[in-house]
Amino acid sequence: FLELENKVNAQITASRTVIATGGSAVYGKEAMEHLREIS
């Protein structure tokens, strides 16, 4: 599940968006680095 969550979150493209992650999103290094870049 964490691999799936990381993959989905790392591919988020957004503009003028408020994003609420699942509590376990922080286990996904790629996703969190991506989210820190775009938000």
Full PDB file with SEQRES, HELIX, SHEET, SSBOND, CRYST1, ORIGX, SCALE, CONECT and MASTER records, all heavy atoms in Angstrom:
SEQRES   1 A   39  PHE LEU GLU LEU GLU ASN LYS VAL ASN ALA GLN ILE THR          
SEQRES   2 A   39  ALA SER ARG THR VAL ILE ALA THR GLY GLY SER ALA VAL          
SEQRES   3 A   39  TYR GLY LYS GLU ALA MET GLU HIS LEU ARG GLU ILE SER          
HELIX    1 AA1 LEU A    2  ALA A   10  1                                   9    
HELIX    2 AA2 GLY A   23  TYR A   27  5                                   5    
HELIX    3 AA3 LYS A   29  ILE A   38  1                                  10    
CRYST1    1.000    1.000    1.000  90.00  90.00  90.00 P 1           1          
ORIGX1      1.000000  0.000000  0.000000        0.00000                         
ORIGX2      0.000000  1.000000  0.000000        0.00000                         
ORIGX3      0.000000  0.000000  1.000000        0.00000                         
SCALE1      1.000000  0.000000  0.000000        0.00000                         
SCALE2      0.000000  1.000000  0.000000        0.00000                         
SCALE3      0.000000  0.000000  1.000000        0.00000                         
ATOM      1  N   PHE A   1       0.831  -1.204   0.000  1.00  0.00           N  
ATOM      2  CA  PHE A   1       0.000   0.000   0.000  1.00  0.00           C  
ATOM      3  C   PHE A   1       0.868   1.258   0.000  1.00  0.00           C  
ATOM      4  O   PHE A   1       0.602   2.211  -0.729  1.00  0.00           O  
ATOM      5  CB  PHE A   1      -0.955   0.025   1.202  1.00  0.00           C  
ATOM      6  CG  PHE A   1      -1.711   1.320   1.286  1.00  0.00           C  
ATOM      7  CD1 PHE A   1      -2.810   1.546   0.475  1.00  0.00           C  
ATOM      8  CD2 PHE A   1      -1.283   2.340   2.137  1.00  0.00           C  
ATOM      9  CE1 PHE A   1      -3.481   2.763   0.515  1.00  0.00           C  
ATOM     10  CE2 PHE A   1      -1.951   3.556   2.188  1.00  0.00           C  
ATOM     11  CZ  PHE A   1      -3.050   3.770   1.368  1.00  0.00           C  
ATOM     12  N   LEU A   2       1.912   1.253   0.840  1.00  0.00           N  
ATOM     13  CA  LEU A   2       2.792   2.429   0.912  1.00  0.00           C  
ATOM     14  C   LEU A   2       3.480   2.708  -0.417  1.00  0.00           C  
ATOM     15  O   LEU A   2       3.658   3.866  -0.800  1.00  0.00           O  
ATOM     16  CB  LEU A   2       3.824   2.259   2.036  1.00  0.00           C  
ATOM     17  CG  LEU A   2       3.254   2.244   3.458  1.00  0.00           C  
ATOM     18  CD1 LEU A   2       4.348   1.914   4.472  1.00  0.00           C  
ATOM     19  CD2 LEU A   2       2.558   3.552   3.804  1.00  0.00           C  
ATOM     20  N   GLU A   3       3.854   1.655  -1.147  1.00  0.00           N  
ATOM     21  CA  GLU A   3       4.453   1.829  -2.479  1.00  0.00           C  
ATOM     22  C   GLU A   3       3.450   2.478  -3.426  1.00  0.00           C  
ATOM     23  O   GLU A   3       3.793   3.390  -4.180  1.00  0.00           O  
ATOM     24  CB  GLU A   3       4.912   0.483  -3.050  1.00  0.00           C  
ATOM     25  CG  GLU A   3       6.171  -0.041  -2.424  1.00  0.00           C  
ATOM     26  CD  GLU A   3       6.525  -1.438  -2.925  1.00  0.00           C  
ATOM     27  OE1 GLU A   3       6.188  -1.783  -4.083  1.00  0.00           O  
ATOM     28  OE2 GLU A   3       7.139  -2.195  -2.139  1.00  0.00           O  
ATOM     29  N   LEU A   4       2.220   1.993  -3.393  1.00  0.00           N  
ATOM     30  CA  LEU A   4       1.156   2.552  -4.228  1.00  0.00           C  
ATOM     31  C   LEU A   4       0.904   4.021  -3.868  1.00  0.00           C  
ATOM     32  O   LEU A   4       0.831   4.884  -4.747  1.00  0.00           O  
ATOM     33  CB  LEU A   4      -0.123   1.729  -4.049  1.00  0.00           C  
ATOM     34  CG  LEU A   4      -1.385   2.259  -4.732  1.00  0.00           C  
ATOM     35  CD1 LEU A   4      -1.229   2.230  -6.249  1.00  0.00           C  
ATOM     36  CD2 LEU A   4      -2.604   1.442  -4.303  1.00  0.00           C  
ATOM     37  N   GLU A   5       0.806   4.303  -2.578  1.00  0.00           N  
ATOM     38  CA  GLU A   5       0.560   5.678  -2.113  1.00  0.00           C  
ATOM     39  C   GLU A   5       1.696   6.601  -2.556  1.00  0.00           C  
ATOM     40  O   GLU A   5       1.465   7.708  -3.048  1.00  0.00           O  
ATOM     41  CB  GLU A   5       0.431   5.675  -0.592  1.00  0.00           C  
ATOM     42  CG  GLU A   5       0.163   7.044   0.004  1.00  0.00           C  
ATOM     43  CD  GLU A   5      -0.004   6.999   1.513  1.00  0.00           C  
ATOM     44  OE1 GLU A   5       0.814   6.331   2.197  1.00  0.00           O  
ATOM     45  OE2 GLU A   5      -0.945   7.634   2.008  1.00  0.00           O  
ATOM     46  N   ASN A   6       2.932   6.142  -2.400  1.00  0.00           N  
ATOM     47  CA  ASN A   6       4.095   6.939  -2.797  1.00  0.00           C  
ATOM     48  C   ASN A   6       4.050   7.255  -4.290  1.00  0.00           C  
ATOM     49  O   ASN A   6       4.272   8.390  -4.709  1.00  0.00           O  
ATOM     50  CB  ASN A   6       5.381   6.192  -2.432  1.00  0.00           C  
ATOM     51  CG  ASN A   6       6.626   7.014  -2.692  1.00  0.00           C  
ATOM     52  OD1 ASN A   6       6.689   8.206  -2.417  1.00  0.00           O  
ATOM     53  ND2 ASN A   6       7.639   6.369  -3.243  1.00  0.00           N  
ATOM     54  N   LYS A   7       3.731   6.239  -5.085  1.00  0.00           N  
ATOM     55  CA  LYS A   7       3.682   6.406  -6.543  1.00  0.00           C  
ATOM     56  C   LYS A   7       2.603   7.421  -6.948  1.00  0.00           C  
ATOM     57  O   LYS A   7       2.849   8.326  -7.746  1.00  0.00           O  
ATOM     58  CB  LYS A   7       3.407   5.042  -7.201  1.00  0.00           C  
ATOM     59  CG  LYS A   7       3.382   5.063  -8.699  1.00  0.00           C  
ATOM     60  CD  LYS A   7       3.148   3.672  -9.263  1.00  0.00           C  
ATOM     61  CE  LYS A   7       2.847   3.756 -10.744  1.00  0.00           C  
ATOM     62  NZ  LYS A   7       2.258   2.542 -11.267  1.00  0.00           N  
ATOM     63  N   VAL A   8       1.410   7.264  -6.396  1.00  0.00           N  
ATOM     64  CA  VAL A   8       0.302   8.171  -6.727  1.00  0.00           C  
ATOM     65  C   VAL A   8       0.648   9.602  -6.303  1.00  0.00           C  
ATOM     66  O   VAL A   8       0.494  10.548  -7.073  1.00  0.00           O  
ATOM     67  CB  VAL A   8      -1.016   7.702  -6.069  1.00  0.00           C  
ATOM     68  CG1 VAL A   8      -2.106   8.764  -6.196  1.00  0.00           C  
ATOM     69  CG2 VAL A   8      -1.493   6.385  -6.702  1.00  0.00           C  
ATOM     70  N   ASN A   9       1.143   9.775  -5.077  1.00  0.00           N  
ATOM     71  CA  ASN A   9       1.438  11.111  -4.567  1.00  0.00           C  
ATOM     72  C   ASN A   9       2.605  11.777  -5.293  1.00  0.00           C  
ATOM     73  O   ASN A   9       2.622  12.998  -5.444  1.00  0.00           O  
ATOM     74  CB  ASN A   9       1.703  11.070  -3.059  1.00  0.00           C  
ATOM     75  CG  ASN A   9       0.452  10.765  -2.261  1.00  0.00           C  
ATOM     76  OD1 ASN A   9      -0.658  10.815  -2.768  1.00  0.00           O  
ATOM     77  ND2 ASN A   9       0.635  10.435  -1.000  1.00  0.00           N  
ATOM     78  N   ALA A  10       3.576  10.984  -5.742  1.00  0.00           N  
ATOM     79  CA  ALA A  10       4.738  11.534  -6.446  1.00  0.00           C  
ATOM     80  C   ALA A  10       4.364  12.030  -7.840  1.00  0.00           C  
ATOM     81  O   ALA A  10       5.121  12.787  -8.455  1.00  0.00           O  
ATOM     82  CB  ALA A  10       5.846  10.494  -6.528  1.00  0.00           C  
ATOM     83  N   GLN A  11       3.198  11.631  -8.333  1.00  0.00           N  
ATOM     84  CA  GLN A  11       2.770  12.024  -9.678  1.00  0.00           C  
ATOM     85  C   GLN A  11       1.714  13.127  -9.671  1.00  0.00           C  
ATOM     86  O   GLN A  11       1.174  13.465 -10.722  1.00  0.00           O  
ATOM     87  CB  GLN A  11       2.227  10.799 -10.424  1.00  0.00           C  
ATOM     88  CG  GLN A  11       3.288   9.752 -10.687  1.00  0.00           C  
ATOM     89  CD  GLN A  11       2.706   8.460 -11.252  1.00  0.00           C  
ATOM     90  OE1 GLN A  11       1.512   8.258 -11.296  1.00  0.00           O  
ATOM     91  NE2 GLN A  11       3.590   7.580 -11.695  1.00  0.00           N  
ATOM     92  N   ILE A  12       1.437  13.696  -8.503  1.00  0.00           N  
ATOM     93  CA  ILE A  12       0.416  14.744  -8.427  1.00  0.00           C  
ATOM     94  C   ILE A  12       0.879  15.976  -9.193  1.00  0.00           C  
ATOM     95  O   ILE A  12       1.994  16.463  -8.999  1.00  0.00           O  
ATOM     96  CB  ILE A  12       0.111  15.118  -6.960  1.00  0.00           C  
ATOM     97  CG1 ILE A  12      -0.632  13.974  -6.273  1.00  0.00           C  
ATOM     98  CG2 ILE A  12      -0.682  16.416  -6.869  1.00  0.00           C  
ATOM     99  CD1 ILE A  12      -0.823  14.151  -4.781  1.00  0.00           C  
ATOM    100  N   THR A  13       0.009  16.429 -10.080  1.00  0.00           N  
ATOM    101  CA  THR A  13       0.232  17.712 -10.732  1.00  0.00           C  
ATOM    102  C   THR A  13      -0.921  18.592 -10.288  1.00  0.00           C  
ATOM    103  O   THR A  13      -2.083  18.184 -10.359  1.00  0.00           O  
ATOM    104  CB  THR A  13       0.261  17.590 -12.268  1.00  0.00           C  
ATOM    105  OG1 THR A  13      -0.938  16.966 -12.700  1.00  0.00           O  
ATOM    106  CG2 THR A  13       1.452  16.784 -12.737  1.00  0.00           C  
ATOM    107  N   ALA A  14      -0.594  19.773  -9.808  1.00  0.00           N  
ATOM    108  CA  ALA A  14      -1.633  20.629  -9.263  1.00  0.00           C  
ATOM    109  C   ALA A  14      -1.230  22.087  -9.391  1.00  0.00           C  
ATOM    110  O   ALA A  14      -0.049  22.419  -9.441  1.00  0.00           O  
ATOM    111  CB  ALA A  14      -1.869  20.283  -7.791  1.00  0.00           C  
ATOM    112  N   SER A  15      -2.236  22.923  -9.417  1.00  0.00           N  
ATOM    113  CA  SER A  15      -2.033  24.361  -9.413  1.00  0.00           C  
ATOM    114  C   SER A  15      -3.179  24.978  -8.631  1.00  0.00           C  
ATOM    115  O   SER A  15      -4.342  24.602  -8.837  1.00  0.00           O  
ATOM    116  CB  SER A  15      -2.017  24.881 -10.856  1.00  0.00           C  
ATOM    117  OG  SER A  15      -1.953  26.283 -10.854  1.00  0.00           O  
ATOM    118  N   ARG A  16      -2.850  25.877  -7.726  1.00  0.00           N  
ATOM    119  CA  ARG A  16      -3.863  26.521  -6.891  1.00  0.00           C  
ATOM    120  C   ARG A  16      -4.768  25.461  -6.255  1.00  0.00           C  
ATOM    121  O   ARG A  16      -5.976  25.480  -6.399  1.00  0.00           O  
ATOM    122  CB  ARG A  16      -4.669  27.537  -7.690  1.00  0.00           C  
ATOM    123  CG  ARG A  16      -3.828  28.717  -8.153  1.00  0.00           C  
ATOM    124  CD  ARG A  16      -4.601  29.716  -9.005  1.00  0.00           C  
ATOM    125  NE  ARG A  16      -5.865  30.133  -8.421  1.00  0.00           N  
ATOM    126  CZ  ARG A  16      -6.026  31.106  -7.519  1.00  0.00           C  
ATOM    127  NH1 ARG A  16      -4.977  31.768  -7.095  1.00  0.00           N  
ATOM    128  NH2 ARG A  16      -7.224  31.426  -7.062  1.00  0.00           N  
ATOM    129  N   THR A  17      -4.107  24.533  -5.543  1.00  0.00           N  
ATOM    130  CA  THR A  17      -4.803  23.388  -4.960  1.00  0.00           C  
ATOM    131  C   THR A  17      -4.372  23.196  -3.510  1.00  0.00           C  
ATOM    132  O   THR A  17      -3.199  23.346  -3.185  1.00  0.00           O  
ATOM    133  CB  THR A  17      -4.490  22.101  -5.764  1.00  0.00           C  
ATOM    134  OG1 THR A  17      -4.890  22.302  -7.124  1.00  0.00           O  
ATOM    135  CG2 THR A  17      -5.207  20.886  -5.209  1.00  0.00           C  
ATOM    136  N   VAL A  18      -5.344  22.865  -2.663  1.00  0.00           N  
ATOM    137  CA  VAL A  18      -5.053  22.436  -1.295  1.00  0.00           C  
ATOM    138  C   VAL A  18      -5.103  20.906  -1.318  1.00  0.00           C  
ATOM    139  O   VAL A  18      -6.099  20.320  -1.746  1.00  0.00           O  
ATOM    140  CB  VAL A  18      -6.074  22.998  -0.287  1.00  0.00           C  
ATOM    141  CG1 VAL A  18      -5.790  22.453   1.109  1.00  0.00           C  
ATOM    142  CG2 VAL A  18      -6.052  24.526  -0.278  1.00  0.00           C  
ATOM    143  N   ILE A  19      -4.015  20.281  -0.886  1.00  0.00           N  
ATOM    144  CA  ILE A  19      -3.867  18.829  -0.945  1.00  0.00           C  
ATOM    145  C   ILE A  19      -3.868  18.276   0.483  1.00  0.00           C  
ATOM    146  O   ILE A  19      -3.096  18.726   1.326  1.00  0.00           O  
ATOM    147  CB  ILE A  19      -2.542  18.446  -1.646  1.00  0.00           C  
ATOM    148  CG1 ILE A  19      -2.486  19.044  -3.053  1.00  0.00           C  
ATOM    149  CG2 ILE A  19      -2.351  16.932  -1.666  1.00  0.00           C  
ATOM    150  CD1 ILE A  19      -1.093  19.080  -3.666  1.00  0.00           C  
ATOM    151  N   ALA A  20      -4.750  17.322   0.742  1.00  0.00           N  
ATOM    152  CA  ALA A  20      -4.760  16.626   2.029  1.00  0.00           C  
ATOM    153  C   ALA A  20      -4.242  15.216   1.778  1.00  0.00           C  
ATOM    154  O   ALA A  20      -4.808  14.474   0.975  1.00  0.00           O  
ATOM    155  CB  ALA A  20      -6.176  16.570   2.606  1.00  0.00           C  
ATOM    156  N   THR A  21      -3.150  14.871   2.449  1.00  0.00           N  
ATOM    157  CA  THR A  21      -2.557  13.543   2.258  1.00  0.00           C  
ATOM    158  C   THR A  21      -3.089  12.569   3.295  1.00  0.00           C  
ATOM    159  O   THR A  21      -3.623  12.973   4.321  1.00  0.00           O  
ATOM    160  CB  THR A  21      -1.017  13.604   2.416  1.00  0.00           C  
ATOM    161  OG1 THR A  21      -0.709  14.003   3.750  1.00  0.00           O  
ATOM    162  CG2 THR A  21      -0.393  14.557   1.418  1.00  0.00           C  
ATOM    163  N   GLY A  22      -2.888  11.303   3.034  1.00  0.00           N  
ATOM    164  CA  GLY A  22      -3.150  10.286   4.039  1.00  0.00           C  
ATOM    165  C   GLY A  22      -2.065  10.383   5.094  1.00  0.00           C  
ATOM    166  O   GLY A  22      -0.957  10.864   4.830  1.00  0.00           O  
ATOM    167  N   GLY A  23      -2.351   9.911   6.299  1.00  0.00           N  
ATOM    168  CA  GLY A  23      -1.393   9.996   7.393  1.00  0.00           C  
ATOM    169  C   GLY A  23      -0.083   9.283   7.123  1.00  0.00           C  
ATOM    170  O   GLY A  23       0.962   9.662   7.654  1.00  0.00           O  
ATOM    171  N   SER A  24      -0.120   8.267   6.259  1.00  0.00           N  
ATOM    172  CA  SER A  24       1.090   7.485   5.971  1.00  0.00           C  
ATOM    173  C   SER A  24       1.890   8.039   4.798  1.00  0.00           C  
ATOM    174  O   SER A  24       2.933   7.491   4.455  1.00  0.00           O  
ATOM    175  CB  SER A  24       0.718   6.028   5.705  1.00  0.00           C  
ATOM    176  OG  SER A  24      -0.213   5.934   4.641  1.00  0.00           O  
ATOM    177  N   ALA A  25       1.458   9.129   4.191  1.00  0.00           N  
ATOM    178  CA  ALA A  25       2.154   9.688   3.022  1.00  0.00           C  
ATOM    179  C   ALA A  25       3.621   9.992   3.313  1.00  0.00           C  
ATOM    180  O   ALA A  25       4.459   9.913   2.409  1.00  0.00           O  
ATOM    181  CB  ALA A  25       1.440  10.947   2.543  1.00  0.00           C  
ATOM    182  N   VAL A  26       3.934  10.326   4.571  1.00  0.00           N  
ATOM    183  CA  VAL A  26       5.314  10.703   4.917  1.00  0.00           C  
ATOM    184  C   VAL A  26       6.303   9.541   4.819  1.00  0.00           C  
ATOM    185  O   VAL A  26       7.508   9.763   4.865  1.00  0.00           O  
ATOM    186  CB  VAL A  26       5.417  11.355   6.315  1.00  0.00           C  
ATOM    187  CG1 VAL A  26       4.790  12.724   6.326  1.00  0.00           C  
ATOM    188  CG2 VAL A  26       4.818  10.466   7.387  1.00  0.00           C  
ATOM    189  N   TYR A  27       5.826   8.327   4.665  1.00  0.00           N  
ATOM    190  CA  TYR A  27       6.736   7.195   4.448  1.00  0.00           C  
ATOM    191  C   TYR A  27       7.273   7.192   3.012  1.00  0.00           C  
ATOM    192  O   TYR A  27       8.239   6.503   2.728  1.00  0.00           O  
ATOM    193  CB  TYR A  27       6.034   5.861   4.717  1.00  0.00           C  
ATOM    194  CG  TYR A  27       5.656   5.627   6.162  1.00  0.00           C  
ATOM    195  CD1 TYR A  27       4.346   5.361   6.514  1.00  0.00           C  
ATOM    196  CD2 TYR A  27       6.618   5.658   7.166  1.00  0.00           C  
ATOM    197  CE1 TYR A  27       3.983   5.124   7.839  1.00  0.00           C  
ATOM    198  CE2 TYR A  27       6.265   5.419   8.488  1.00  0.00           C  
ATOM    199  CZ  TYR A  27       4.950   5.154   8.815  1.00  0.00           C  
ATOM    200  OH  TYR A  27       4.596   4.920  10.125  1.00  0.00           O  
ATOM    201  N   GLY A  28       6.635   7.919   2.129  1.00  0.00           N  
ATOM    202  CA  GLY A  28       7.039   7.958   0.718  1.00  0.00           C  
ATOM    203  C   GLY A  28       8.005   9.092   0.448  1.00  0.00           C  
ATOM    204  O   GLY A  28       7.599  10.244   0.274  1.00  0.00           O  
ATOM    205  N   LYS A  29       9.296   8.795   0.409  1.00  0.00           N  
ATOM    206  CA  LYS A  29      10.328   9.823   0.237  1.00  0.00           C  
ATOM    207  C   LYS A  29      10.147  10.594  -1.070  1.00  0.00           C  
ATOM    208  O   LYS A  29      10.183  11.831  -1.085  1.00  0.00           O  
ATOM    209  CB  LYS A  29      11.705   9.154   0.286  1.00  0.00           C  
ATOM    210  CG  LYS A  29      12.878  10.108   0.231  1.00  0.00           C  
ATOM    211  CD  LYS A  29      14.193   9.334   0.355  1.00  0.00           C  
ATOM    212  CE  LYS A  29      15.389  10.241   0.503  1.00  0.00           C  
ATOM    213  NZ  LYS A  29      15.782  10.904  -0.714  1.00  0.00           N  
ATOM    214  N   GLU A  30       9.940   9.888  -2.174  1.00  0.00           N  
ATOM    215  CA  GLU A  30       9.791  10.562  -3.469  1.00  0.00           C  
ATOM    216  C   GLU A  30       8.562  11.464  -3.466  1.00  0.00           C  
ATOM    217  O   GLU A  30       8.612  12.601  -3.929  1.00  0.00           O  
ATOM    218  CB  GLU A  30       9.671   9.544  -4.622  1.00  0.00           C  
ATOM    219  CG  GLU A  30      10.909   8.696  -4.833  1.00  0.00           C  
ATOM    220  CD  GLU A  30      11.016   7.514  -3.861  1.00  0.00           C  
ATOM    221  OE1 GLU A  30      10.080   7.244  -3.095  1.00  0.00           O  
ATOM    222  OE2 GLU A  30      12.066   6.863  -3.871  1.00  0.00           O  
ATOM    223  N   ALA A  31       7.480  10.961  -2.933  1.00  0.00           N  
ATOM    224  CA  ALA A  31       6.242  11.742  -2.886  1.00  0.00           C  
ATOM    225  C   ALA A  31       6.419  12.991  -2.035  1.00  0.00           C  
ATOM    226  O   ALA A  31       6.006  14.086  -2.426  1.00  0.00           O  
ATOM    227  CB  ALA A  31       5.094  10.889  -2.337  1.00  0.00           C  
ATOM    228  N   MET A  32       7.036  12.859  -0.877  1.00  0.00           N  
ATOM    229  CA  MET A  32       7.184  14.010   0.014  1.00  0.00           C  
ATOM    230  C   MET A  32       8.134  15.050  -0.571  1.00  0.00           C  
ATOM    231  O   MET A  32       7.890  16.250  -0.457  1.00  0.00           O  
ATOM    232  CB  MET A  32       7.633  13.565   1.411  1.00  0.00           C  
ATOM    233  CG  MET A  32       6.560  12.820   2.187  1.00  0.00           C  
ATOM    234  SD  MET A  32       4.928  13.643   2.251  1.00  0.00           S  
ATOM    235  CE  MET A  32       5.354  15.232   2.953  1.00  0.00           C  
ATOM    236  N   GLU A  33       9.199  14.599  -1.217  1.00  0.00           N  
ATOM    237  CA  GLU A  33      10.102  15.554  -1.866  1.00  0.00           C  
ATOM    238  C   GLU A  33       9.365  16.297  -2.981  1.00  0.00           C  
ATOM    239  O   GLU A  33       9.530  17.505  -3.151  1.00  0.00           O  
ATOM    240  CB  GLU A  33      11.353  14.842  -2.380  1.00  0.00           C  
ATOM    241  CG  GLU A  33      12.276  14.432  -1.237  1.00  0.00           C  
ATOM    242  CD  GLU A  33      13.453  13.566  -1.659  1.00  0.00           C  
ATOM    243  OE1 GLU A  33      13.557  13.215  -2.861  1.00  0.00           O  
ATOM    244  OE2 GLU A  33      14.269  13.225  -0.776  1.00  0.00           O  
ATOM    245  N   HIS A  34       8.551  15.562  -3.729  1.00  0.00           N  
ATOM    246  CA  HIS A  34       7.750  16.169  -4.798  1.00  0.00           C  
ATOM    247  C   HIS A  34       6.764  17.188  -4.221  1.00  0.00           C  
ATOM    248  O   HIS A  34       6.662  18.313  -4.723  1.00  0.00           O  
ATOM    249  CB  HIS A  34       7.011  15.070  -5.568  1.00  0.00           C  
ATOM    250  CG  HIS A  34       6.010  15.574  -6.546  1.00  0.00           C  
ATOM    251  ND1 HIS A  34       6.372  16.265  -7.680  1.00  0.00           N  
ATOM    252  CD2 HIS A  34       4.648  15.512  -6.556  1.00  0.00           C  
ATOM    253  CE1 HIS A  34       5.269  16.603  -8.355  1.00  0.00           C  
ATOM    254  NE2 HIS A  34       4.220  16.159  -7.693  1.00  0.00           N  
ATOM    255  N   LEU A  35       6.050  16.799  -3.172  1.00  0.00           N  
ATOM    256  CA  LEU A  35       5.065  17.704  -2.560  1.00  0.00           C  
ATOM    257  C   LEU A  35       5.739  18.942  -1.975  1.00  0.00           C  
ATOM    258  O   LEU A  35       5.190  20.045  -2.046  1.00  0.00           O  
ATOM    259  CB  LEU A  35       4.245  16.969  -1.500  1.00  0.00           C  
ATOM    260  CG  LEU A  35       3.275  15.917  -2.062  1.00  0.00           C  
ATOM    261  CD1 LEU A  35       2.698  15.059  -0.949  1.00  0.00           C  
ATOM    262  CD2 LEU A  35       2.168  16.567  -2.882  1.00  0.00           C  
ATOM    263  N   ARG A  36       6.938  18.797  -1.432  1.00  0.00           N  
ATOM    264  CA  ARG A  36       7.682  19.959  -0.914  1.00  0.00           C  
ATOM    265  C   ARG A  36       8.077  20.906  -2.049  1.00  0.00           C  
ATOM    266  O   ARG A  36       8.164  22.111  -1.848  1.00  0.00           O  
ATOM    267  CB  ARG A  36       8.929  19.524  -0.145  1.00  0.00           C  
ATOM    268  CG  ARG A  36       8.620  19.083   1.285  1.00  0.00           C  
ATOM    269  CD  ARG A  36       9.872  18.709   2.051  1.00  0.00           C  
ATOM    270  NE  ARG A  36      10.854  19.774   2.124  1.00  0.00           N  
ATOM    271  CZ  ARG A  36      10.880  20.732   3.056  1.00  0.00           C  
ATOM    272  NH1 ARG A  36       9.967  20.757   4.000  1.00  0.00           N  
ATOM    273  NH2 ARG A  36      11.828  21.652   3.055  1.00  0.00           N  
ATOM    274  N   GLU A  37       8.312  20.353  -3.240  1.00  0.00           N  
ATOM    275  CA  GLU A  37       8.675  21.191  -4.393  1.00  0.00           C  
ATOM    276  C   GLU A  37       7.477  21.962  -4.943  1.00  0.00           C  
ATOM    277  O   GLU A  37       7.617  23.103  -5.358  1.00  0.00           O  
ATOM    278  CB  GLU A  37       9.269  20.329  -5.517  1.00  0.00           C  
ATOM    279  CG  GLU A  37      10.698  19.932  -5.286  1.00  0.00           C  
ATOM    280  CD  GLU A  37      11.203  19.000  -6.376  1.00  0.00           C  
ATOM    281  OE1 GLU A  37      10.664  19.016  -7.507  1.00  0.00           O  
ATOM    282  OE2 GLU A  37      12.138  18.241  -6.090  1.00  0.00           O  
ATOM    283  N   ILE A  38       6.314  21.313  -4.972  1.00  0.00           N  
ATOM    284  CA  ILE A  38       5.156  21.939  -5.624  1.00  0.00           C  
ATOM    285  C   ILE A  38       4.223  22.661  -4.651  1.00  0.00           C  
ATOM    286  O   ILE A  38       3.224  23.237  -5.082  1.00  0.00           O  
ATOM    287  CB  ILE A  38       4.338  20.918  -6.452  1.00  0.00           C  
ATOM    288  CG1 ILE A  38       3.646  19.891  -5.542  1.00  0.00           C  
ATOM    289  CG2 ILE A  38       5.212  20.256  -7.518  1.00  0.00           C  
ATOM    290  CD1 ILE A  38       2.531  19.103  -6.223  1.00  0.00           C  
ATOM    291  N   SER A  39       4.535  22.624  -3.344  1.00  0.00           N  
ATOM    292  CA  SER A  39       3.601  23.201  -2.382  1.00  0.00           C  
ATOM    293  C   SER A  39       4.296  23.608  -1.087  1.00  0.00           C  
ATOM    294  O   SER A  39       5.446  23.258  -0.851  1.00  0.00           O  
ATOM    295  CB  SER A  39       2.495  22.194  -2.057  1.00  0.00           C  
ATOM    296  OG  SER A  39       3.014  21.081  -1.347  1.00  0.00           O  
TER     297      SER A  39                                                      
MASTER        0    0    0    3    0    0    0    6  296    1    0    3          
END                                                                             
